[in-house]
All heavy atoms as atom14 arrays in JSON, in Angstrom:
{
  "sequence": "LEGYGITYVEPLEALRKVGDPRALYIAGDEHPTAKANRVVA",
  "atom14_mask": [
    [1, 1, 1, 1, 1, 1, 1, 1, 0, 0, 0, 0, 0, 0],
    [1, 1, 1, 1, 1, 1, 1, 1, 1, 0, 0, 0, 0, 0],
    [1, 1, 1, 1, 0, 0, 0, 0, 0, 0, 0, 0, 0, 0],
    [1, 1, 1, 1, 1, 1, 1, 1, 1, 1, 1, 1, 0, 0],
    [1, 1, 1, 1, 0, 0, 0, 0, 0, 0, 0, 0, 0, 0],
    [1, 1, 1, 1, 1, 1, 1, 1, 0, 0, 0, 0, 0, 0],
    [1, 1, 1, 1, 1, 1, 1, 0, 0, 0, 0, 0, 0, 0],
    [1, 1, 1, 1, 1, 1, 1, 1, 1, 1, 1, 1, 0, 0],
    [1, 1, 1, 1, 1, 1, 1, 0, 0, 0, 0, 0, 0, 0],
    [1, 1, 1, 1, 1, 1, 1, 1, 1, 0, 0, 0, 0, 0],
    [1, 1, 1, 1, 1, 1, 1, 0, 0, 0, 0, 0, 0, 0],
    [1, 1, 1, 1, 1, 1, 1, 1, 0, 0, 0, 0, 0, 0],
    [1, 1, 1, 1, 1, 1, 1, 1, 1, 0, 0, 0, 0, 0],
    [1, 1, 1, 1, 1, 0, 0, 0, 0, 0, 0, 0, 0, 0],
    [1, 1, 1, 1, 1, 1, 1, 1, 0, 0, 0, 0, 0, 0],
    [1, 1, 1, 1, 1, 1, 1, 1, 1, 1, 1, 0, 0, 0],
    [1, 1, 1, 1, 1, 1, 1, 1, 1, 0, 0, 0, 0, 0],
    [1, 1, 1, 1, 1, 1, 1, 0, 0, 0, 0, 0, 0, 0],
    [1, 1, 1, 1, 0, 0, 0, 0, 0, 0, 0, 0, 0, 0],
    [1, 1, 1, 1, 1, 1, 1, 1, 0, 0, 0, 0, 0, 0],
    [1, 1, 1, 1, 1, 1, 1, 0, 0, 0, 0, 0, 0, 0],
    [1, 1, 1, 1, 1, 1, 1, 1, 1, 1, 1, 0, 0, 0],
    [1, 1, 1, 1, 1, 0, 0, 0, 0, 0, 0, 0, 0, 0],
    [1, 1, 1, 1, 1, 1, 1, 1, 0, 0, 0, 0, 0, 0],
    [1, 1, 1, 1, 1, 1, 1, 1, 1, 1, 1, 1, 0, 0],
    [1, 1, 1, 1, 1, 1, 1, 1, 0, 0, 0, 0, 0, 0],
    [1, 1, 1, 1, 1, 0, 0, 0, 0, 0, 0, 0, 0, 0],
    [1, 1, 1, 1, 0, 0, 0, 0, 0, 0, 0, 0, 0, 0],
    [1, 1, 1, 1, 1, 1, 1, 1, 0, 0, 0, 0, 0, 0],
    [1, 1, 1, 1, 1, 1, 1, 1, 1, 0, 0, 0, 0, 0],
    [1, 1, 1, 1, 1, 1, 1, 1, 1, 1, 0, 0, 0, 0],
    [1, 1, 1, 1, 1, 1, 1, 0, 0, 0, 0, 0, 0, 0],
    [1, 1, 1, 1, 1, 1, 1, 0, 0, 0, 0, 0, 0, 0],
    [1, 1, 1, 1, 1, 0, 0, 0, 0, 0, 0, 0, 0, 0],
    [1, 1, 1, 1, 1, 1, 1, 1, 1, 0, 0, 0, 0, 0],
    [1, 1, 1, 1, 1, 0, 0, 0, 0, 0, 0, 0, 0, 0],
    [1, 1, 1, 1, 1, 1, 1, 1, 0, 0, 0, 0, 0, 0],
    [1, 1, 1, 1, 1, 1, 1, 1, 1, 1, 1, 0, 0, 0],
    [1, 1, 1, 1, 1, 1, 1, 0, 0, 0, 0, 0, 0, 0],
    [1, 1, 1, 1, 1, 1, 1, 0, 0, 0, 0, 0, 0, 0],
    [1, 1, 1, 1, 1, 0, 0, 0, 0, 0, 0, 0, 0, 0]
  ],
  "atom14_positions": [
    [[-31.89, 28.69, 114.75], [-30.91, 29.28, 115.58], [-31.26, 30.71, 115.96], [-31.29, 31.09, 117.11], [-29.52, 29.24, 115.08], [-28.94, 27.79, 114.96], [-27.6, 27.86, 114.19], [-28.89, 27.16, 116.28], [0.0, 0.0, 0.0], [0.0, 0.0, 0.0], [0.0, 0.0, 0.0], [0.0, 0.0, 0.0], [0.0, 0.0, 0.0], [0.0, 0.0, 0.0]],
    [[-31.64, 31.4, 114.92], [-32.02, 32.81, 115.17], [-33.28, 32.98, 116.02], [-33.48, 33.84, 116.85], [-32.32, 33.54, 113.76], [-30.96, 33.69, 113.02], [-31.22, 34.2, 111.59], [-32.38, 34.5, 111.16], [-30.16, 34.44, 110.93], [0.0, 0.0, 0.0], [0.0, 0.0, 0.0], [0.0, 0.0, 0.0], [0.0, 0.0, 0.0], [0.0, 0.0, 0.0]],
    [[-34.15, 31.99, 115.82], [-35.42, 31.91, 116.57], [-35.24, 31.7, 118.07], [-35.88, 32.15, 118.94], [0.0, 0.0, 0.0], [0.0, 0.0, 0.0], [0.0, 0.0, 0.0], [0.0, 0.0, 0.0], [0.0, 0.0, 0.0], [0.0, 0.0, 0.0], [0.0, 0.0, 0.0], [0.0, 0.0, 0.0], [0.0, 0.0, 0.0], [0.0, 0.0, 0.0]],
    [[-34.1, 31.03, 118.4], [-33.68, 30.74, 119.71], [-32.79, 31.88, 120.3], [-32.27, 31.76, 121.48], [-33.07, 29.46, 119.91], [-33.89, 28.23, 119.87], [-34.0, 27.48, 118.76], [-34.68, 27.92, 120.98], [-34.86, 26.39, 118.67], [-35.56, 26.88, 120.93], [-35.66, 26.01, 119.9], [-36.52, 25.11, 119.83], [0.0, 0.0, 0.0], [0.0, 0.0, 0.0]],
    [[-32.54, 32.91, 119.5], [-31.69, 33.95, 120.01], [-30.16, 33.64, 119.87], [-29.41, 34.26, 120.53], [0.0, 0.0, 0.0], [0.0, 0.0, 0.0], [0.0, 0.0, 0.0], [0.0, 0.0, 0.0], [0.0, 0.0, 0.0], [0.0, 0.0, 0.0], [0.0, 0.0, 0.0], [0.0, 0.0, 0.0], [0.0, 0.0, 0.0], [0.0, 0.0, 0.0]],
    [[-29.83, 32.6, 119.15], [-28.45, 32.17, 119.01], [-27.86, 32.92, 117.85], [-28.36, 32.92, 116.77], [-28.41, 30.63, 118.82], [-28.97, 29.85, 120.05], [-26.9, 30.17, 118.49], [-29.14, 28.51, 119.91], [0.0, 0.0, 0.0], [0.0, 0.0, 0.0], [0.0, 0.0, 0.0], [0.0, 0.0, 0.0], [0.0, 0.0, 0.0], [0.0, 0.0, 0.0]],
    [[-26.63, 33.48, 118.03], [-25.97, 34.25, 116.96], [-25.4, 33.2, 115.93], [-24.62, 32.2, 116.28], [-24.73, 35.14, 117.52], [-25.3, 35.95, 118.51], [-24.12, 35.82, 116.48], [0.0, 0.0, 0.0], [0.0, 0.0, 0.0], [0.0, 0.0, 0.0], [0.0, 0.0, 0.0], [0.0, 0.0, 0.0], [0.0, 0.0, 0.0], [0.0, 0.0, 0.0]],
    [[-25.78, 33.4, 114.74], [-25.27, 32.56, 113.61], [-24.37, 33.44, 112.72], [-24.82, 34.51, 112.4], [-26.37, 32.01, 112.8], [-25.88, 31.25, 111.5], [-25.48, 29.99, 111.62], [-25.9, 31.99, 110.31], [-24.98, 29.3, 110.54], [-25.26, 31.28, 109.24], [-24.92, 29.96, 109.34], [-24.43, 29.26, 108.17], [0.0, 0.0, 0.0], [0.0, 0.0, 0.0]],
    [[-23.12, 33.04, 112.53], [-22.15, 33.95, 111.91], [-22.0, 33.25, 110.5], [-21.65, 32.14, 110.25], [-20.7, 33.8, 112.6], [-19.75, 34.64, 111.77], [-20.78, 34.41, 113.96], [0.0, 0.0, 0.0], [0.0, 0.0, 0.0], [0.0, 0.0, 0.0], [0.0, 0.0, 0.0], [0.0, 0.0, 0.0], [0.0, 0.0, 0.0], [0.0, 0.0, 0.0]],
    [[-22.4, 34.1, 109.44], [-22.24, 33.72, 108.06], [-21.07, 34.24, 107.54], [-20.77, 35.47, 107.51], [-23.54, 34.16, 107.3], [-23.51, 33.93, 105.81], [-23.28, 32.38, 105.59], [-24.14, 31.66, 105.78], [-22.08, 32.07, 105.1], [0.0, 0.0, 0.0], [0.0, 0.0, 0.0], [0.0, 0.0, 0.0], [0.0, 0.0, 0.0], [0.0, 0.0, 0.0]],
    [[-19.98, 33.29, 107.21], [-18.64, 33.83, 106.79], [-18.56, 34.21, 105.25], [-17.52, 34.63, 104.8], [-17.79, 32.68, 107.16], [-18.65, 31.48, 106.83], [-20.05, 31.85, 107.32], [0.0, 0.0, 0.0], [0.0, 0.0, 0.0], [0.0, 0.0, 0.0], [0.0, 0.0, 0.0], [0.0, 0.0, 0.0], [0.0, 0.0, 0.0], [0.0, 0.0, 0.0]],
    [[-19.62, 34.0, 104.53], [-19.61, 34.17, 103.0], [-19.07, 35.58, 102.76], [-18.13, 35.66, 101.87], [-20.9, 33.96, 102.39], [-20.94, 34.0, 100.88], [-20.09, 33.02, 100.16], [-22.39, 33.95, 100.43], [0.0, 0.0, 0.0], [0.0, 0.0, 0.0], [0.0, 0.0, 0.0], [0.0, 0.0, 0.0], [0.0, 0.0, 0.0], [0.0, 0.0, 0.0]],
    [[-19.6, 36.65, 103.1], [-19.13, 37.94, 102.7], [-17.71, 38.17, 103.22], [-16.94, 38.92, 102.49], [-20.16, 38.98, 103.19], [-21.5, 38.98, 102.39], [-21.32, 39.08, 100.92], [-20.47, 39.78, 100.34], [-22.04, 38.27, 100.33], [0.0, 0.0, 0.0], [0.0, 0.0, 0.0], [0.0, 0.0, 0.0], [0.0, 0.0, 0.0], [0.0, 0.0, 0.0]],
    [[-17.37, 37.81, 104.38], [-16.07, 37.92, 104.92], [-15.02, 37.22, 103.97], [-13.97, 37.89, 103.65], [-15.86, 37.55, 106.31], [0.0, 0.0, 0.0], [0.0, 0.0, 0.0], [0.0, 0.0, 0.0], [0.0, 0.0, 0.0], [0.0, 0.0, 0.0], [0.0, 0.0, 0.0], [0.0, 0.0, 0.0], [0.0, 0.0, 0.0], [0.0, 0.0, 0.0]],
    [[-15.32, 35.99, 103.65], [-14.57, 35.33, 102.59], [-14.43, 36.0, 101.27], [-13.34, 36.04, 100.59], [-15.02, 33.81, 102.46], [-14.88, 32.99, 103.69], [-15.68, 31.69, 103.53], [-13.36, 32.61, 103.97], [0.0, 0.0, 0.0], [0.0, 0.0, 0.0], [0.0, 0.0, 0.0], [0.0, 0.0, 0.0], [0.0, 0.0, 0.0], [0.0, 0.0, 0.0]],
    [[-15.51, 36.6, 100.72], [-15.41, 37.28, 99.5], [-14.64, 38.51, 99.53], [-14.09, 38.85, 98.55], [-17.01, 37.66, 99.12], [-17.74, 36.39, 98.56], [-19.05, 36.92, 98.11], [-19.84, 35.58, 97.44], [-20.99, 35.63, 97.23], [-21.79, 36.59, 97.63], [-21.5, 34.41, 96.61], [0.0, 0.0, 0.0], [0.0, 0.0, 0.0], [0.0, 0.0, 0.0]],
    [[-14.45, 39.13, 100.65], [-13.7, 40.33, 100.71], [-12.21, 40.09, 100.6], [-11.48, 41.08, 100.44], [-14.01, 41.13, 102.16], [-15.38, 41.69, 102.15], [-15.62, 42.36, 103.57], [-17.09, 42.83, 103.58], [-17.3, 43.45, 104.94], [0.0, 0.0, 0.0], [0.0, 0.0, 0.0], [0.0, 0.0, 0.0], [0.0, 0.0, 0.0], [0.0, 0.0, 0.0]],
    [[-11.78, 38.88, 100.85], [-10.4, 38.58, 100.75], [-9.77, 38.83, 99.37], [-8.57, 39.22, 99.25], [-10.04, 37.12, 101.12], [-8.73, 36.7, 100.87], [-10.4, 36.92, 102.61], [0.0, 0.0, 0.0], [0.0, 0.0, 0.0], [0.0, 0.0, 0.0], [0.0, 0.0, 0.0], [0.0, 0.0, 0.0], [0.0, 0.0, 0.0], [0.0, 0.0, 0.0]],
    [[-10.57, 38.69, 98.25], [-10.1, 38.88, 96.98], [-10.08, 37.58, 96.29], [-11.19, 37.02, 96.01], [0.0, 0.0, 0.0], [0.0, 0.0, 0.0], [0.0, 0.0, 0.0], [0.0, 0.0, 0.0], [0.0, 0.0, 0.0], [0.0, 0.0, 0.0], [0.0, 0.0, 0.0], [0.0, 0.0, 0.0], [0.0, 0.0, 0.0], [0.0, 0.0, 0.0]],
    [[-8.91, 36.99, 95.95], [-8.83, 35.76, 95.22], [-9.28, 34.58, 96.1], [-8.6, 34.2, 97.08], [-7.5, 35.58, 94.69], [-7.34, 34.39, 93.78], [-8.3, 33.7, 93.59], [-6.15, 34.03, 93.32], [0.0, 0.0, 0.0], [0.0, 0.0, 0.0], [0.0, 0.0, 0.0], [0.0, 0.0, 0.0], [0.0, 0.0, 0.0], [0.0, 0.0, 0.0]],
    [[-10.46, 33.94, 95.82], [-10.87, 32.85, 96.58], [-10.01, 31.54, 96.53], [-9.96, 30.79, 97.36], [-12.3, 32.46, 96.04], [-12.37, 33.16, 94.73], [-11.35, 34.31, 94.73], [0.0, 0.0, 0.0], [0.0, 0.0, 0.0], [0.0, 0.0, 0.0], [0.0, 0.0, 0.0], [0.0, 0.0, 0.0], [0.0, 0.0, 0.0], [0.0, 0.0, 0.0]],
    [[-9.17, 31.55, 95.54], [-8.2, 30.43, 95.48], [-7.14, 30.31, 96.6], [-6.57, 29.26, 96.9], [-7.45, 30.41, 93.98], [-8.37, 30.15, 92.89], [-7.73, 30.2, 91.66], [-7.25, 31.64, 91.45], [-6.66, 32.03, 90.41], [-6.32, 31.34, 89.4], [-6.36, 33.38, 90.36], [0.0, 0.0, 0.0], [0.0, 0.0, 0.0], [0.0, 0.0, 0.0]],
    [[-6.97, 31.53, 97.28], [-6.13, 31.65, 98.3], [-6.77, 31.05, 99.63], [-6.09, 30.82, 100.71], [-5.78, 33.08, 98.64], [0.0, 0.0, 0.0], [0.0, 0.0, 0.0], [0.0, 0.0, 0.0], [0.0, 0.0, 0.0], [0.0, 0.0, 0.0], [0.0, 0.0, 0.0], [0.0, 0.0, 0.0], [0.0, 0.0, 0.0], [0.0, 0.0, 0.0]],
    [[-8.04, 30.74, 99.49], [-8.75, 30.24, 100.7], [-9.0, 28.8, 100.8], [-9.54, 28.23, 101.76], [-10.21, 31.03, 100.72], [-10.13, 32.55, 100.73], [-11.49, 33.13, 100.6], [-9.5, 32.99, 102.1], [0.0, 0.0, 0.0], [0.0, 0.0, 0.0], [0.0, 0.0, 0.0], [0.0, 0.0, 0.0], [0.0, 0.0, 0.0], [0.0, 0.0, 0.0]],
    [[-8.75, 28.11, 99.69], [-9.07, 26.64, 99.46], [-7.75, 25.92, 99.03], [-7.13, 26.48, 98.09], [-10.25, 26.36, 98.64], [-11.51, 26.96, 99.25], [-11.89, 28.19, 99.0], [-12.33, 26.16, 100.02], [-13.07, 28.81, 99.51], [-13.44, 26.73, 100.54], [-13.79, 28.0, 100.39], [-14.93, 28.5, 100.91], [0.0, 0.0, 0.0], [0.0, 0.0, 0.0]],
    [[-7.57, 24.73, 99.5], [-6.4, 23.83, 99.05], [-6.64, 23.6, 97.7], [-7.64, 23.11, 97.36], [-6.22, 22.71, 99.91], [-5.91, 23.2, 101.39], [-5.23, 21.83, 99.32], [-6.03, 22.03, 102.45], [0.0, 0.0, 0.0], [0.0, 0.0, 0.0], [0.0, 0.0, 0.0], [0.0, 0.0, 0.0], [0.0, 0.0, 0.0], [0.0, 0.0, 0.0]],
    [[-5.66, 23.77, 96.82], [-5.77, 23.49, 95.31], [-6.13, 22.05, 95.17], [-5.55, 21.12, 95.78], [-4.45, 23.71, 94.6], [0.0, 0.0, 0.0], [0.0, 0.0, 0.0], [0.0, 0.0, 0.0], [0.0, 0.0, 0.0], [0.0, 0.0, 0.0], [0.0, 0.0, 0.0], [0.0, 0.0, 0.0], [0.0, 0.0, 0.0], [0.0, 0.0, 0.0]],
    [[-7.19, 21.78, 94.34], [-7.68, 20.37, 94.0], [-8.44, 19.77, 95.08], [-8.66, 18.55, 95.22], [0.0, 0.0, 0.0], [0.0, 0.0, 0.0], [0.0, 0.0, 0.0], [0.0, 0.0, 0.0], [0.0, 0.0, 0.0], [0.0, 0.0, 0.0], [0.0, 0.0, 0.0], [0.0, 0.0, 0.0], [0.0, 0.0, 0.0], [0.0, 0.0, 0.0]],
    [[-8.76, 20.61, 96.19], [-9.41, 20.1, 97.33], [-10.5, 20.96, 97.78], [-10.49, 22.27, 97.37], [-8.28, 19.95, 98.52], [-8.83, 19.07, 99.67], [-10.11, 18.85, 99.8], [-7.93, 18.69, 100.39], [0.0, 0.0, 0.0], [0.0, 0.0, 0.0], [0.0, 0.0, 0.0], [0.0, 0.0, 0.0], [0.0, 0.0, 0.0], [0.0, 0.0, 0.0]],
    [[-11.48, 20.65, 98.52], [-12.42, 21.54, 99.0], [-12.16, 22.11, 100.43], [-13.03, 22.78, 100.98], [-13.75, 20.93, 99.01], [-14.28, 20.57, 97.61], [-15.63, 19.94, 97.61], [-16.28, 19.94, 98.6], [-16.03, 19.38, 96.55], [0.0, 0.0, 0.0], [0.0, 0.0, 0.0], [0.0, 0.0, 0.0], [0.0, 0.0, 0.0], [0.0, 0.0, 0.0]],
    [[-11.11, 21.71, 100.97], [-10.82, 22.19, 102.39], [-10.21, 23.52, 102.44], [-9.34, 23.89, 101.59], [-9.81, 21.19, 103.05], [-10.41, 19.86, 103.25], [-10.43, 18.79, 102.31], [-11.12, 19.36, 104.41], [-11.03, 17.79, 102.79], [-11.53, 18.08, 103.96], [0.0, 0.0, 0.0], [0.0, 0.0, 0.0], [0.0, 0.0, 0.0], [0.0, 0.0, 0.0]],
    [[-10.64, 24.31, 103.48], [-10.15, 25.69, 103.61], [-8.65, 25.63, 103.98], [-8.11, 24.79, 104.69], [-10.96, 26.25, 104.78], [-11.5, 25.13, 105.49], [-11.52, 23.91, 104.47], [0.0, 0.0, 0.0], [0.0, 0.0, 0.0], [0.0, 0.0, 0.0], [0.0, 0.0, 0.0], [0.0, 0.0, 0.0], [0.0, 0.0, 0.0], [0.0, 0.0, 0.0]],
    [[-8.01, 26.73, 103.62], [-6.53, 27.02, 104.06], [-6.53, 27.62, 105.37], [-7.61, 28.05, 105.84], [-5.82, 27.84, 103.04], [-6.5, 29.16, 103.03], [-5.81, 27.29, 101.61], [0.0, 0.0, 0.0], [0.0, 0.0, 0.0], [0.0, 0.0, 0.0], [0.0, 0.0, 0.0], [0.0, 0.0, 0.0], [0.0, 0.0, 0.0], [0.0, 0.0, 0.0]],
    [[-5.33, 27.78, 105.95], [-5.08, 28.56, 107.18], [-5.68, 30.0, 107.1], [-6.2, 30.38, 108.02], [-3.71, 28.57, 107.64], [0.0, 0.0, 0.0], [0.0, 0.0, 0.0], [0.0, 0.0, 0.0], [0.0, 0.0, 0.0], [0.0, 0.0, 0.0], [0.0, 0.0, 0.0], [0.0, 0.0, 0.0], [0.0, 0.0, 0.0], [0.0, 0.0, 0.0]],
    [[-5.48, 30.52, 105.89], [-5.99, 31.9, 105.82], [-7.44, 32.07, 105.82], [-8.04, 32.98, 106.45], [-5.44, 32.44, 104.38], [-5.85, 33.84, 104.04], [-5.29, 34.38, 102.76], [-5.64, 35.85, 102.58], [-4.89, 36.34, 101.5], [0.0, 0.0, 0.0], [0.0, 0.0, 0.0], [0.0, 0.0, 0.0], [0.0, 0.0, 0.0], [0.0, 0.0, 0.0]],
    [[-8.2, 31.09, 105.29], [-9.72, 31.07, 105.32], [-10.07, 30.86, 106.79], [-11.11, 31.46, 107.27], [-10.19, 29.89, 104.41], [0.0, 0.0, 0.0], [0.0, 0.0, 0.0], [0.0, 0.0, 0.0], [0.0, 0.0, 0.0], [0.0, 0.0, 0.0], [0.0, 0.0, 0.0], [0.0, 0.0, 0.0], [0.0, 0.0, 0.0], [0.0, 0.0, 0.0]],
    [[-9.38, 30.01, 107.47], [-9.78, 29.63, 108.84], [-9.6, 31.03, 109.69], [-10.39, 31.23, 110.67], [-8.89, 28.65, 109.5], [-9.3, 27.21, 108.98], [-10.55, 27.04, 108.82], [-8.49, 26.35, 108.71], [0.0, 0.0, 0.0], [0.0, 0.0, 0.0], [0.0, 0.0, 0.0], [0.0, 0.0, 0.0], [0.0, 0.0, 0.0], [0.0, 0.0, 0.0]],
    [[-8.43, 31.81, 109.4], [-8.3, 33.09, 110.14], [-9.36, 34.11, 109.81], [-9.88, 34.72, 110.66], [-7.01, 33.75, 109.76], [-5.81, 33.14, 110.46], [-4.61, 33.94, 110.39], [-4.07, 34.14, 108.95], [-3.45, 32.98, 108.26], [-2.94, 31.88, 108.97], [-2.99, 33.23, 106.97], [0.0, 0.0, 0.0], [0.0, 0.0, 0.0], [0.0, 0.0, 0.0]],
    [[-9.88, 34.05, 108.5], [-10.94, 35.06, 108.05], [-12.18, 34.68, 108.88], [-12.95, 35.54, 109.41], [-11.1, 34.94, 106.61], [-12.36, 35.65, 106.2], [-9.96, 35.55, 105.81], [0.0, 0.0, 0.0], [0.0, 0.0, 0.0], [0.0, 0.0, 0.0], [0.0, 0.0, 0.0], [0.0, 0.0, 0.0], [0.0, 0.0, 0.0], [0.0, 0.0, 0.0]],
    [[-12.47, 33.35, 108.82], [-13.71, 32.94, 109.65], [-13.61, 33.15, 111.11], [-14.52, 33.61, 111.78], [-14.02, 31.48, 109.24], [-15.18, 30.94, 110.1], [-14.4, 31.25, 107.75], [0.0, 0.0, 0.0], [0.0, 0.0, 0.0], [0.0, 0.0, 0.0], [0.0, 0.0, 0.0], [0.0, 0.0, 0.0], [0.0, 0.0, 0.0], [0.0, 0.0, 0.0]],
    [[-12.51, 32.89, 111.61], [-12.22, 33.12, 113.07], [-12.5, 34.6, 113.43], [-13.11, 34.89, 114.52], [-10.89, 32.68, 113.56], [0.0, 0.0, 0.0], [0.0, 0.0, 0.0], [0.0, 0.0, 0.0], [0.0, 0.0, 0.0], [0.0, 0.0, 0.0], [0.0, 0.0, 0.0], [0.0, 0.0, 0.0], [0.0, 0.0, 0.0], [0.0, 0.0, 0.0]]
  ]
}
């Protein structure tokens, strides 16, 4: 993607800045919460 000049957004560091990652994923599940979706957006 970068080779084609397409912006790739890596959300890892933005998610890490939130603090407790348990607030970002549904308990017992791998799906992101609304808060995680806001951070990525």
